[in-house]
Amino acid sequence: MAVVALVVGPVAVRLLRALRDGGHSGLSGPVAGYMGVIAAMWVAALASGNPLAGVGGGLFVASDSLIAWDRFVRPLRWAGVTIMVTYHLAQAGLALSLLP
């Protein structure tokens, strides 16, 4: 899905550049792989046609992207609360999407 690529792509490029510039280039492969996996999860959630799954998948990507950004690009004062809120809303959306 193009939407996922348009959102995840620029974030991935910036994170991978920050890893390289910060002396953590050994993490580039695992981080790129993980980003590919969560992007694929979001694509699958959107493809399900269930709006709660799509939103939950997007919030999960946002939560994990914020963790990486806060650790490798630059610390964000508001990251802790935002990460927890997006993570829990993502889990709620994904779980509720399973209800009939």
PDB file of N, CA and C in Angstrom:
ATOM      1  N   MET A   1       0.832  -1.174   0.000  1.00  0.00           N
ATOM      2  CA  MET A   1       0.000   0.000   0.000  1.00  0.00           C
ATOM      3  C   MET A   1       0.882   1.244   0.000  1.00  0.00           C
ATOM      4  N   ALA A   2       0.524   2.141  -0.886  1.00  0.00           N
ATOM      5  CA  ALA A   2       1.312   3.356  -1.073  1.00  0.00           C
ATOM      6  C   ALA A   2       1.326   4.232   0.179  1.00  0.00           C
ATOM      7  N   VAL A   3       0.216   4.280   0.898  1.00  0.00           N
ATOM      8  CA  VAL A   3       0.139   5.115   2.099  1.00  0.00           C
ATOM      9  C   VAL A   3       1.198   4.684   3.113  1.00  0.00           C
ATOM     10  N   VAL A   4       1.349   3.403   3.304  1.00  0.00           N
ATOM     11  CA  VAL A   4       2.334   2.893   4.260  1.00  0.00           C
ATOM     12  C   VAL A   4       3.736   3.266   3.809  1.00  0.00           C
ATOM     13  N   ALA A   5       4.024   3.103   2.537  1.00  0.00           N
ATOM     14  CA  ALA A   5       5.352   3.450   2.020  1.00  0.00           C
ATOM     15  C   ALA A   5       5.620   4.942   2.164  1.00  0.00           C
ATOM     16  N   LEU A   6       4.605   5.767   1.919  1.00  0.00           N
ATOM     17  CA  LEU A   6       4.781   7.216   2.042  1.00  0.00           C
ATOM     18  C   LEU A   6       5.008   7.662   3.482  1.00  0.00           C
ATOM     19  N   VAL A   7       4.465   6.924   4.426  1.00  0.00           N
ATOM     20  CA  VAL A   7       4.643   7.272   5.840  1.00  0.00           C
ATOM     21  C   VAL A   7       5.920   6.659   6.403  1.00  0.00           C
ATOM     22  N   VAL A   8       6.099   5.370   6.185  1.00  0.00           N
ATOM     23  CA  VAL A   8       7.224   4.649   6.794  1.00  0.00           C
ATOM     24  C   VAL A   8       8.551   4.963   6.098  1.00  0.00           C
ATOM     25  N   GLY A   9       8.521   5.140   4.780  1.00  0.00           N
ATOM     26  CA  GLY A   9       9.751   5.359   4.019  1.00  0.00           C
ATOM     27  C   GLY A   9      10.608   6.512   4.528  1.00  0.00           C
ATOM     28  N   PRO A  10      10.062   7.726   4.601  1.00  0.00           N
ATOM     29  CA  PRO A  10      10.883   8.848   5.077  1.00  0.00           C
ATOM     30  C   PRO A  10      11.358   8.686   6.521  1.00  0.00           C
ATOM     31  N   VAL A  11      10.524   8.096   7.360  1.00  0.00           N
ATOM     32  CA  VAL A  11      10.925   7.855   8.753  1.00  0.00           C
ATOM     33  C   VAL A  11      12.090   6.866   8.785  1.00  0.00           C
ATOM     34  N   ALA A  12      11.993   5.812   7.988  1.00  0.00           N
ATOM     35  CA  ALA A  12      13.053   4.804   7.944  1.00  0.00           C
ATOM     36  C   ALA A  12      14.367   5.407   7.468  1.00  0.00           C
ATOM     37  N   VAL A  13      14.304   6.218   6.428  1.00  0.00           N
ATOM     38  CA  VAL A  13      15.523   6.853   5.911  1.00  0.00           C
ATOM     39  C   VAL A  13      16.172   7.712   6.985  1.00  0.00           C
ATOM     40  N   ARG A  14      15.368   8.511   7.677  1.00  0.00           N
ATOM     41  CA  ARG A  14      15.920   9.394   8.721  1.00  0.00           C
ATOM     42  C   ARG A  14      16.500   8.588   9.877  1.00  0.00           C
ATOM     43  N   LEU A  15      15.810   7.526  10.296  1.00  0.00           N
ATOM     44  CA  LEU A  15      16.309   6.703  11.395  1.00  0.00           C
ATOM     45  C   LEU A  15      17.604   5.992  11.016  1.00  0.00           C
ATOM     46  N   LEU A  16      17.664   5.461   9.821  1.00  0.00           N
ATOM     47  CA  LEU A  16      18.875   4.765   9.388  1.00  0.00           C
ATOM     48  C   LEU A  16      20.053   5.721   9.269  1.00  0.00           C
ATOM     49  N   ARG A  17      19.799   6.934   8.813  1.00  0.00           N
ATOM     50  CA  ARG A  17      20.857   7.950   8.756  1.00  0.00           C
ATOM     51  C   ARG A  17      21.339   8.306  10.161  1.00  0.00           C
ATOM     52  N   ALA A  18      20.409   8.431  11.091  1.00  0.00           N
ATOM     53  CA  ALA A  18      20.778   8.752  12.476  1.00  0.00           C
ATOM     54  C   ALA A  18      21.589   7.620  13.104  1.00  0.00           C
ATOM     55  N   LEU A  19      21.233   6.382  12.802  1.00  0.00           N
ATOM     56  CA  LEU A  19      22.009   5.248  13.308  1.00  0.00           C
ATOM     57  C   LEU A  19      23.440   5.301  12.789  1.00  0.00           C
ATOM     58  N   ARG A  20      23.584   5.543  11.513  1.00  0.00           N
ATOM     59  CA  ARG A  20      24.909   5.620  10.907  1.00  0.00           C
ATOM     60  C   ARG A  20      25.723   6.775  11.509  1.00  0.00           C
ATOM     61  N   ASP A  21      25.096   7.961  11.571  1.00  0.00           N
ATOM     62  CA  ASP A  21      25.797   9.143  12.073  1.00  0.00           C
ATOM     63  C   ASP A  21      26.104   9.064  13.561  1.00  0.00           C
ATOM     64  N   GLY A  22      25.288   8.314  14.297  1.00  0.00           N
ATOM     65  CA  GLY A  22      25.478   8.186  15.737  1.00  0.00           C
ATOM     66  C   GLY A  22      26.390   7.046  16.141  1.00  0.00           C
ATOM     67  N   GLY A  23      27.003   6.391  15.173  1.00  0.00           N
ATOM     68  CA  GLY A  23      27.915   5.302  15.484  1.00  0.00           C
ATOM     69  C   GLY A  23      27.231   3.989  15.810  1.00  0.00           C
ATOM     70  N   HIS A  24      25.985   3.846  15.402  1.00  0.00           N
ATOM     71  CA  HIS A  24      25.227   2.616  15.655  1.00  0.00           C
ATOM     72  C   HIS A  24      24.907   1.897  14.353  1.00  0.00           C
ATOM     73  N   SER A  25      25.808   1.966  13.380  1.00  0.00           N
ATOM     74  CA  SER A  25      25.515   1.398  12.071  1.00  0.00           C
ATOM     75  C   SER A  25      25.269  -0.112  12.129  1.00  0.00           C
ATOM     76  N   GLY A  26      25.779  -0.778  13.175  1.00  0.00           N
ATOM     77  CA  GLY A  26      25.523  -2.201  13.339  1.00  0.00           C
ATOM     78  C   GLY A  26      24.058  -2.524  13.577  1.00  0.00           C
ATOM     79  N   LEU A  27      23.287  -1.524  13.994  1.00  0.00           N
ATOM     80  CA  LEU A  27      21.855  -1.724  14.222  1.00  0.00           C
ATOM     81  C   LEU A  27      21.015  -1.472  12.971  1.00  0.00           C
ATOM     82  N   SER A  28      21.646  -0.977  11.917  1.00  0.00           N
ATOM     83  CA  SER A  28      20.892  -0.615  10.711  1.00  0.00           C
ATOM     84  C   SER A  28      20.109  -1.793  10.130  1.00  0.00           C
ATOM     85  N   GLY A  29      20.737  -2.945  10.024  1.00  0.00           N
ATOM     86  CA  GLY A  29      20.058  -4.118   9.477  1.00  0.00           C
ATOM     87  C   GLY A  29      18.861  -4.550  10.313  1.00  0.00           C
ATOM     88  N   PRO A  30      19.065  -4.758  11.628  1.00  0.00           N
ATOM     89  CA  PRO A  30      17.922  -5.150  12.455  1.00  0.00           C
ATOM     90  C   PRO A  30      16.803  -4.106  12.488  1.00  0.00           C
ATOM     91  N   VAL A  31      17.166  -2.830  12.535  1.00  0.00           N
ATOM     92  CA  VAL A  31      16.147  -1.776  12.570  1.00  0.00           C
ATOM     93  C   VAL A  31      15.393  -1.740  11.241  1.00  0.00           C
ATOM     94  N   ALA A  32      16.108  -1.833  10.125  1.00  0.00           N
ATOM     95  CA  ALA A  32      15.447  -1.845   8.813  1.00  0.00           C
ATOM     96  C   ALA A  32      14.527  -3.056   8.690  1.00  0.00           C
ATOM     97  N   GLY A  33      14.999  -4.204   9.148  1.00  0.00           N
ATOM     98  CA  GLY A  33      14.173  -5.405   9.106  1.00  0.00           C
ATOM     99  C   GLY A  33      12.914  -5.257   9.937  1.00  0.00           C
ATOM    100  N   TYR A  34      13.057  -4.723  11.148  1.00  0.00           N
ATOM    101  CA  TYR A  34      11.899  -4.546  12.017  1.00  0.00           C
ATOM    102  C   TYR A  34      10.918  -3.548  11.411  1.00  0.00           C
ATOM    103  N   MET A  35      11.440  -2.483  10.836  1.00  0.00           N
ATOM    104  CA  MET A  35      10.549  -1.502  10.208  1.00  0.00           C
ATOM    105  C   MET A  35       9.787  -2.138   9.046  1.00  0.00           C
ATOM    106  N   GLY A  36      10.453  -3.017   8.308  1.00  0.00           N
ATOM    107  CA  GLY A  36       9.765  -3.730   7.237  1.00  0.00           C
ATOM    108  C   GLY A  36       8.655  -4.617   7.767  1.00  0.00           C
ATOM    109  N   VAL A  37       8.914  -5.264   8.881  1.00  0.00           N
ATOM    110  CA  VAL A  37       7.911  -6.152   9.479  1.00  0.00           C
ATOM    111  C   VAL A  37       6.699  -5.371   9.973  1.00  0.00           C
ATOM    112  N   ILE A  38       6.944  -4.253  10.691  1.00  0.00           N
ATOM    113  CA  ILE A  38       5.773  -3.514  11.196  1.00  0.00           C
ATOM    114  C   ILE A  38       5.043  -2.807  10.058  1.00  0.00           C
ATOM    115  N   ALA A  39       5.758  -2.438   8.990  1.00  0.00           N
ATOM    116  CA  ALA A  39       5.085  -1.871   7.818  1.00  0.00           C
ATOM    117  C   ALA A  39       4.194  -2.934   7.165  1.00  0.00           C
ATOM    118  N   ALA A  40       4.702  -4.155   7.065  1.00  0.00           N
ATOM    119  CA  ALA A  40       3.899  -5.252   6.498  1.00  0.00           C
ATOM    120  C   ALA A  40       2.686  -5.543   7.376  1.00  0.00           C
ATOM    121  N   MET A  41       2.851  -5.456   8.685  1.00  0.00           N
ATOM    122  CA  MET A  41       1.720  -5.656   9.604  1.00  0.00           C
ATOM    123  C   MET A  41       0.651  -4.599   9.354  1.00  0.00           C
ATOM    124  N   TRP A  42       1.086  -3.348   9.152  1.00  0.00           N
ATOM    125  CA  TRP A  42       0.127  -2.278   8.906  1.00  0.00           C
ATOM    126  C   TRP A  42      -0.586  -2.499   7.570  1.00  0.00           C
ATOM    127  N   VAL A  43       0.155  -2.922   6.555  1.00  0.00           N
ATOM    128  CA  VAL A  43      -0.456  -3.219   5.258  1.00  0.00           C
ATOM    129  C   VAL A  43      -1.511  -4.316   5.417  1.00  0.00           C
ATOM    130  N   ALA A  44      -1.182  -5.367   6.161  1.00  0.00           N
ATOM    131  CA  ALA A  44      -2.137  -6.459   6.377  1.00  0.00           C
ATOM    132  C   ALA A  44      -3.365  -5.967   7.142  1.00  0.00           C
ATOM    133  N   ALA A  45      -3.146  -5.105   8.127  1.00  0.00           N
ATOM    134  CA  ALA A  45      -4.272  -4.564   8.895  1.00  0.00           C
ATOM    135  C   ALA A  45      -5.177  -3.730   7.992  1.00  0.00           C
ATOM    136  N   LEU A  46      -4.583  -2.900   7.138  1.00  0.00           N
ATOM    137  CA  LEU A  46      -5.391  -2.101   6.201  1.00  0.00           C
ATOM    138  C   LEU A  46      -6.110  -2.984   5.198  1.00  0.00           C
ATOM    139  N   ALA A  47      -5.423  -4.018   4.722  1.00  0.00           N
ATOM    140  CA  ALA A  47      -6.014  -4.918   3.725  1.00  0.00           C
ATOM    141  C   ALA A  47      -7.174  -5.723   4.283  1.00  0.00           C
ATOM    142  N   SER A  48      -7.242  -5.828   5.617  1.00  0.00           N
ATOM    143  CA  SER A  48      -8.350  -6.575   6.216  1.00  0.00           C
ATOM    144  C   SER A  48      -9.684  -5.886   5.983  1.00  0.00           C
ATOM    145  N   GLY A  49      -9.635  -4.591   5.692  1.00  0.00           N
ATOM    146  CA  GLY A  49     -10.867  -3.837   5.489  1.00  0.00           C
ATOM    147  C   GLY A  49     -11.536  -3.410   6.769  1.00  0.00           C
ATOM    148  N   ASN A  50     -10.957  -3.768   7.898  1.00  0.00           N
ATOM    149  CA  ASN A  50     -11.516  -3.393   9.194  1.00  0.00           C
ATOM    150  C   ASN A  50     -10.871  -2.079   9.638  1.00  0.00           C
ATOM    151  N   PRO A  51     -11.687  -1.016   9.781  1.00  0.00           N
ATOM    152  CA  PRO A  51     -11.119   0.285  10.157  1.00  0.00           C
ATOM    153  C   PRO A  51     -10.355   0.259  11.482  1.00  0.00           C
ATOM    154  N   LEU A  52     -10.851  -0.502  12.448  1.00  0.00           N
ATOM    155  CA  LEU A  52     -10.148  -0.572  13.733  1.00  0.00           C
ATOM    156  C   LEU A  52      -8.779  -1.216  13.582  1.00  0.00           C
ATOM    157  N   ALA A  53      -8.674  -2.213  12.739  1.00  0.00           N
ATOM    158  CA  ALA A  53      -7.386  -2.857  12.489  1.00  0.00           C
ATOM    159  C   ALA A  53      -6.433  -1.884  11.803  1.00  0.00           C
ATOM    160  N   GLY A  54      -6.917  -1.153  10.817  1.00  0.00           N
ATOM    161  CA  GLY A  54      -6.087  -0.187  10.102  1.00  0.00           C
ATOM    162  C   GLY A  54      -5.565   0.914  11.010  1.00  0.00           C
ATOM    163  N   VAL A  55      -6.448   1.459  11.833  1.00  0.00           N
ATOM    164  CA  VAL A  55      -6.032   2.505  12.778  1.00  0.00           C
ATOM    165  C   VAL A  55      -5.087   1.924  13.817  1.00  0.00           C
ATOM    166  N   GLY A  56      -5.412   0.750  14.331  1.00  0.00           N
ATOM    167  CA  GLY A  56      -4.534   0.104  15.316  1.00  0.00           C
ATOM    168  C   GLY A  56      -3.151  -0.154  14.761  1.00  0.00           C
ATOM    169  N   GLY A  57      -3.081  -0.636  13.524  1.00  0.00           N
ATOM    170  CA  GLY A  57      -1.793  -0.880  12.891  1.00  0.00           C
ATOM    171  C   GLY A  57      -1.004   0.403  12.706  1.00  0.00           C
ATOM    172  N   GLY A  58      -1.672   1.446  12.286  1.00  0.00           N
ATOM    173  CA  GLY A  58      -1.007   2.736  12.116  1.00  0.00           C
ATOM    174  C   GLY A  58      -0.497   3.306  13.424  1.00  0.00           C
ATOM    175  N   LEU A  59      -1.285   3.172  14.476  1.00  0.00           N
ATOM    176  CA  LEU A  59      -0.845   3.661  15.788  1.00  0.00           C
ATOM    177  C   LEU A  59       0.315   2.836  16.329  1.00  0.00           C
ATOM    178  N   PHE A  60       0.342   1.545  16.022  1.00  0.00           N
ATOM    179  CA  PHE A  60       1.462   0.709  16.447  1.00  0.00           C
ATOM    180  C   PHE A  60       2.747   1.148  15.747  1.00  0.00           C
ATOM    181  N   VAL A  61       2.654   1.422  14.449  1.00  0.00           N
ATOM    182  CA  VAL A  61       3.811   1.921  13.705  1.00  0.00           C
ATOM    183  C   VAL A  61       4.261   3.260  14.284  1.00  0.00           C
ATOM    184  N   ALA A  62       3.309   4.132  14.595  1.00  0.00           N
ATOM    185  CA  ALA A  62       3.651   5.436  15.172  1.00  0.00           C
ATOM    186  C   ALA A  62       4.354   5.278  16.511  1.00  0.00           C
ATOM    187  N   SER A  63       3.838   4.404  17.359  1.00  0.00           N
ATOM    188  CA  SER A  63       4.423   4.182  18.677  1.00  0.00           C
ATOM    189  C   SER A  63       5.866   3.694  18.567  1.00  0.00           C
ATOM    190  N   ASP A  64       6.088   2.669  17.755  1.00  0.00           N
ATOM    191  CA  ASP A  64       7.440   2.125  17.633  1.00  0.00           C
ATOM    192  C   ASP A  64       8.380   3.087  16.914  1.00  0.00           C
ATOM    193  N   SER A  65       7.859   3.853  15.971  1.00  0.00           N
ATOM    194  CA  SER A  65       8.687   4.856  15.302  1.00  0.00           C
ATOM    195  C   SER A  65       9.118   5.951  16.275  1.00  0.00           C
ATOM    196  N   LEU A  66       8.214   6.334  17.161  1.00  0.00           N
ATOM    197  CA  LEU A  66       8.561   7.333  18.179  1.00  0.00           C
ATOM    198  C   LEU A  66       9.637   6.826  19.134  1.00  0.00           C
ATOM    199  N   ILE A  67       9.569   5.557  19.481  1.00  0.00           N
ATOM    200  CA  ILE A  67      10.613   4.988  20.337  1.00  0.00           C
ATOM    201  C   ILE A  67      11.969   5.137  19.654  1.00  0.00           C
ATOM    202  N   ALA A  68      12.043   4.733  18.395  1.00  0.00           N
ATOM    203  CA  ALA A  68      13.304   4.798  17.655  1.00  0.00           C
ATOM    204  C   ALA A  68      13.764   6.243  17.479  1.00  0.00           C
ATOM    205  N   TRP A  69      12.841   7.133  17.148  1.00  0.00           N
ATOM    206  CA  TRP A  69      13.190   8.544  16.948  1.00  0.00           C
ATOM    207  C   TRP A  69      13.757   9.134  18.240  1.00  0.00           C
ATOM    208  N   ASP A  70      13.087   8.864  19.338  1.00  0.00           N
ATOM    209  CA  ASP A  70      13.506   9.399  20.639  1.00  0.00           C
ATOM    210  C   ASP A  70      14.890   8.885  21.033  1.00  0.00           C
ATOM    211  N   ARG A  71      15.205   7.664  20.676  1.00  0.00           N
ATOM    212  CA  ARG A  71      16.488   7.080  21.064  1.00  0.00           C
ATOM    213  C   ARG A  71      17.618   7.376  20.104  1.00  0.00           C
ATOM    214  N   PHE A  72      17.323   7.451  18.811  1.00  0.00           N
ATOM    215  CA  PHE A  72      18.400   7.539  17.830  1.00  0.00           C
ATOM    216  C   PHE A  72      18.494   8.854  17.077  1.00  0.00           C
ATOM    217  N   VAL A  73      17.391   9.570  16.905  1.00  0.00           N
ATOM    218  CA  VAL A  73      17.443  10.841  16.174  1.00  0.00           C
ATOM    219  C   VAL A  73      17.657  11.980  17.154  1.00  0.00           C
ATOM    220  N   ARG A  74      16.702  12.174  18.047  1.00  0.00           N
ATOM    221  CA  ARG A  74      16.855  13.167  19.118  1.00  0.00           C
ATOM    222  C   ARG A  74      15.788  12.920  20.168  1.00  0.00           C
ATOM    223  N   PRO A  75      16.152  13.151  21.422  1.00  0.00           N
ATOM    224  CA  PRO A  75      15.167  12.955  22.493  1.00  0.00           C
ATOM    225  C   PRO A  75      14.004  13.941  22.357  1.00  0.00           C
ATOM    226  N   LEU A  76      12.827  13.438  22.631  1.00  0.00           N
ATOM    227  CA  LEU A  76      11.616  14.254  22.595  1.00  0.00           C
ATOM    228  C   LEU A  76      11.025  14.279  23.994  1.00  0.00           C
ATOM    229  N   ARG A  77      10.868  15.439  24.543  1.00  0.00           N
ATOM    230  CA  ARG A  77      10.383  15.581  25.915  1.00  0.00           C
ATOM    231  C   ARG A  77       9.029  14.899  26.127  1.00  0.00           C
ATOM    232  N   TRP A  78       8.205  14.934  25.133  1.00  0.00           N
ATOM    233  CA  TRP A  78       6.841  14.400  25.224  1.00  0.00           C
ATOM    234  C   TRP A  78       6.732  12.953  24.751  1.00  0.00           C
ATOM    235  N   ALA A  79       7.837  12.336  24.402  1.00  0.00           N
ATOM    236  CA  ALA A  79       7.792  11.008  23.799  1.00  0.00           C
ATOM    237  C   ALA A  79       7.210   9.943  24.725  1.00  0.00           C
ATOM    238  N   GLY A  80       7.606   9.941  25.981  1.00  0.00           N
ATOM    239  CA  GLY A  80       7.172   8.875  26.886  1.00  0.00           C
ATOM    240  C   GLY A  80       5.668   8.700  26.937  1.00  0.00           C
ATOM    241  N   VAL A  81       4.962   9.778  27.181  1.00  0.00           N
ATOM    242  CA  VAL A  81       3.498   9.710  27.277  1.00  0.00           C
ATOM    243  C   VAL A  81       2.889   9.385  25.914  1.00  0.00           C
ATOM    244  N   THR A  82       3.399  10.007  24.873  1.00  0.00           N
ATOM    245  CA  THR A  82       2.848   9.781  23.538  1.00  0.00           C
ATOM    246  C   THR A  82       3.045   8.340  23.097  1.00  0.00           C
ATOM    247  N   ILE A  83       4.210   7.778  23.397  1.00  0.00           N
ATOM    248  CA  ILE A  83       4.472   6.377  23.055  1.00  0.00           C
ATOM    249  C   ILE A  83       3.476   5.466  23.756  1.00  0.00           C
ATOM    250  N   MET A  84       3.268   5.695  25.044  1.00  0.00           N
ATOM    251  CA  MET A  84       2.352   4.829  25.793  1.00  0.00           C
ATOM    252  C   MET A  84       0.905   4.970  25.311  1.00  0.00           C
ATOM    253  N   VAL A  85       0.482   6.192  25.020  1.00  0.00           N
ATOM    254  CA  VAL A  85      -0.898   6.403  24.558  1.00  0.00           C
ATOM    255  C   VAL A  85      -1.109   5.754  23.190  1.00  0.00           C
ATOM    256  N   THR A  86      -0.180   5.993  22.254  1.00  0.00           N
ATOM    257  CA  THR A  86      -0.348   5.398  20.927  1.00  0.00           C
ATOM    258  C   THR A  86      -0.260   3.878  20.988  1.00  0.00           C
ATOM    259  N   TYR A  87       0.620   3.356  21.823  1.00  0.00           N
ATOM    260  CA  TYR A  87       0.748   1.903  21.951  1.00  0.00           C
ATOM    261  C   TYR A  87      -0.544   1.277  22.476  1.00  0.00           C
ATOM    262  N   HIS A  88      -1.094   1.842  23.549  1.00  0.00           N
ATOM    263  CA  HIS A  88      -2.302   1.254  24.140  1.00  0.00           C
ATOM    264  C   HIS A  88      -3.514   1.421  23.229  1.00  0.00           C
ATOM    265  N   LEU A  89      -3.618   2.559  22.555  1.00  0.00           N
ATOM    266  CA  LEU A  89      -4.714   2.717  21.597  1.00  0.00           C
ATOM    267  C   LEU A  89      -4.555   1.744  20.430  1.00  0.00           C
ATOM    268  N   ALA A  90      -3.305   1.499  20.009  1.00  0.00           N
ATOM    269  CA  ALA A  90      -3.063   0.539  18.942  1.00  0.00           C
ATOM    270  C   ALA A  90      -3.509  -0.854  19.358  1.00  0.00           C
ATOM    271  N   GLN A  91      -3.131  -1.245  20.541  1.00  0.00           N
ATOM    272  CA  GLN A  91      -3.514  -2.585  21.030  1.00  0.00           C
ATOM    273  C   GLN A  91      -5.024  -2.701  21.156  1.00  0.00           C
ATOM    274  N   ALA A  92      -5.675  -1.633  21.625  1.00  0.00           N
ATOM    275  CA  ALA A  92      -7.129  -1.656  21.748  1.00  0.00           C
ATOM    276  C   ALA A  92      -7.779  -1.777  20.364  1.00  0.00           C
ATOM    277  N   GLY A  93      -7.292  -1.002  19.405  1.00  0.00           N
ATOM    278  CA  GLY A  93      -7.843  -1.077  18.057  1.00  0.00           C
ATOM    279  C   GLY A  93      -7.668  -2.440  17.434  1.00  0.00           C
ATOM    280  N   LEU A  94      -6.482  -3.007  17.586  1.00  0.00           N
ATOM    281  CA  LEU A  94      -6.214  -4.334  17.012  1.00  0.00           C
ATOM    282  C   LEU A  94      -7.074  -5.402  17.694  1.00  0.00           C
ATOM    283  N   ALA A  95      -7.174  -5.332  19.017  1.00  0.00           N
ATOM    284  CA  ALA A  95      -7.966  -6.326  19.739  1.00  0.00           C
ATOM    285  C   ALA A  95      -9.458  -6.204  19.409  1.00  0.00           C
ATOM    286  N   LEU A  96      -9.953  -4.965  19.403  1.00  0.00           N
ATOM    287  CA  LEU A  96     -11.372  -4.756  19.109  1.00  0.00           C
ATOM    288  C   LEU A  96     -11.724  -5.129  17.664  1.00  0.00           C
ATOM    289  N   SER A  97     -10.742  -5.061  16.775  1.00  0.00           N
ATOM    290  CA  SER A  97     -11.006  -5.425  15.381  1.00  0.00           C
ATOM    291  C   SER A  97     -11.325  -6.903  15.230  1.00  0.00           C
ATOM    292  N   LEU A  98     -10.996  -7.685  16.233  1.00  0.00           N
ATOM    293  CA  LEU A  98     -11.259  -9.130  16.187  1.00  0.00           C
ATOM    294  C   LEU A  98     -12.674  -9.490  16.602  1.00  0.00           C
ATOM    295  N   LEU A  99     -13.387  -8.549  17.200  1.00  0.00           N
ATOM    296  CA  LEU A  99     -14.760  -8.826  17.641  1.00  0.00           C
ATOM    297  C   LEU A  99     -15.679  -8.921  16.428  1.00  0.00           C
ATOM    298  N   PRO A 100     -16.686  -9.770  16.523  1.00  0.00           N
ATOM    299  CA  PRO A 100     -17.629  -9.902  15.394  1.00  0.00           C
ATOM    300  C   PRO A 100     -18.477  -8.660  15.204  1.00  0.00           C
TER     301      PRO A 100
END
